[in-house]
């Protein structure tokens, strides 16, 4: 996946891609939290639904902070997105198989 440099598009209308972290035009201190957030999102997206539910159950029922080092908000967001996708598929299936 390539990242588009929006500043070059904004300045001269050409599409250029980011080659490295140095091309992002941010200092190293500002750059690190963005990459940590993306890493957390990627880790949560790789988890199965059972793993997400298990991790959230541990966080809710125990005083521990869970097994993984990701924020609870990432877990909840991913599980919510999956729930919406499942509800959408069920809705379409019911609409296609319901007789008038």
Protein backbone atom coordinates (compact mmCIF):
# COMPACT_ATOMS: atom_id res chain seq x y z
CA UNK A 1 0.00 0.00 0.00
CA UNK A 2 1.34 3.42 -0.92
CA UNK A 3 0.78 6.66 0.95
CA UNK A 4 0.02 9.75 -1.13
CA UNK A 5 1.84 12.98 -0.31
CA UNK A 6 -1.08 15.37 -0.06
CA UNK A 7 1.13 18.44 0.28
CA UNK A 8 2.60 17.96 -3.22
CA UNK A 9 -0.89 17.46 -4.65
CA UNK A 10 -2.10 20.56 -2.83
CA UNK A 11 0.88 22.63 -4.02
CA UNK A 12 1.14 21.65 -7.70
CA UNK A 13 -1.61 19.13 -8.44
CA UNK A 14 0.69 16.15 -9.00
CA UNK A 15 0.32 12.83 -7.25
CA UNK A 16 3.48 11.72 -5.47
CA UNK A 17 3.95 8.90 -3.02
CA UNK A 18 5.77 8.80 0.29
CA UNK A 19 9.03 6.91 -0.09
CA UNK A 20 10.06 6.82 3.58
CA UNK A 21 9.14 8.21 7.00
CA UNK A 22 11.35 11.25 6.30
CA UNK A 23 9.01 12.30 3.46
CA UNK A 24 6.04 12.74 5.79
CA UNK A 25 7.13 16.30 6.72
CA UNK A 26 6.68 15.74 10.45
CA UNK A 27 9.23 15.52 13.19
CA UNK A 28 10.17 12.14 14.65
CA UNK A 29 8.34 12.87 17.91
CA UNK A 30 5.08 13.59 16.09
CA UNK A 31 5.59 10.63 13.75
CA UNK A 32 5.86 7.90 16.40
CA UNK A 33 2.28 8.04 17.84
CA UNK A 34 0.78 7.81 14.35
CA UNK A 35 2.73 4.66 13.57
CA UNK A 36 1.93 3.18 17.00
CA UNK A 37 -1.76 3.79 16.36
CA UNK A 38 -1.55 2.15 12.93
CA UNK A 39 0.29 -0.81 14.43
CA UNK A 40 -2.43 -1.19 17.07
CA UNK A 41 -5.14 -1.03 14.41
CA UNK A 42 -3.34 -3.64 12.31
CA UNK A 43 -2.91 -5.94 15.29
CA UNK A 44 -6.61 -5.71 16.18
CA UNK A 45 -7.68 -6.29 12.56
CA UNK A 46 -5.60 -9.49 12.47
CA UNK A 47 -7.37 -10.89 15.53
CA UNK A 48 -10.26 -13.30 15.10
CA UNK A 49 -13.69 -12.37 16.42
CA UNK A 50 -13.29 -14.93 19.21
CA UNK A 51 -9.99 -13.34 20.21
CA UNK A 52 -11.60 -9.88 20.30
CA UNK A 53 -14.45 -11.11 22.48
CA UNK A 54 -12.06 -12.98 24.75
CA UNK A 55 -9.77 -9.98 25.16
CA UNK A 56 -12.69 -7.67 25.98
CA UNK A 57 -14.11 -10.22 28.42
CA UNK A 58 -10.80 -10.35 30.28
CA UNK A 59 -10.70 -6.56 30.48
CA UNK A 60 -14.26 -6.30 31.75
CA UNK A 61 -14.29 -9.15 34.28
CA UNK A 62 -10.73 -8.97 35.67
CA UNK A 63 -8.62 -6.18 37.07
CA UNK A 64 -5.95 -7.01 34.50
CA UNK A 65 -5.56 -4.93 31.37
CA UNK A 66 -5.88 -7.93 29.07
CA UNK A 67 -3.34 -10.00 27.20
CA UNK A 68 -2.44 -7.57 24.43
CA UNK A 69 -0.99 -4.07 24.58
CA UNK A 70 -3.70 -2.30 22.58
CA UNK A 71 -6.25 0.21 23.78
CA UNK A 72 -9.74 -1.03 24.50
CA UNK A 73 -11.18 1.51 22.05
CA UNK A 74 -9.44 -0.26 19.13
CA UNK A 75 -10.94 -3.59 20.21
CA UNK A 76 -14.43 -2.12 20.56
CA UNK A 77 -14.19 -0.30 17.21
CA UNK A 78 -13.13 -3.43 15.34
CA UNK A 79 -15.81 -5.58 16.97
CA UNK A 80 -18.43 -2.93 16.15
CA UNK A 81 -17.37 -2.87 12.48
CA UNK A 82 -17.68 -6.64 12.29
CA UNK A 83 -21.09 -6.52 13.94
CA UNK A 84 -22.31 -3.96 11.40
CA UNK A 85 -21.03 -6.09 8.52
CA UNK A 86 -22.78 -9.18 9.90
CA UNK A 87 -26.04 -7.28 10.45
CA UNK A 88 -25.87 -5.96 6.88
CA UNK A 89 -25.41 -9.45 5.41
CA UNK A 90 -28.27 -10.81 7.54
CA UNK A 91 -30.52 -7.94 6.43
CA UNK A 92 -29.78 -8.58 2.75
CA UNK A 93 -30.34 -12.30 3.17
CA UNK A 94 -33.66 -11.74 4.89
CA UNK A 95 -34.74 -9.26 2.23
CA UNK A 96 -33.92 -11.69 -0.58
CA UNK A 97 -35.67 -14.63 1.03
CA UNK A 98 -38.80 -12.95 2.40
CA UNK A 99 -41.95 -13.48 0.40
CA UNK A 100 -44.40 -10.62 -0.04
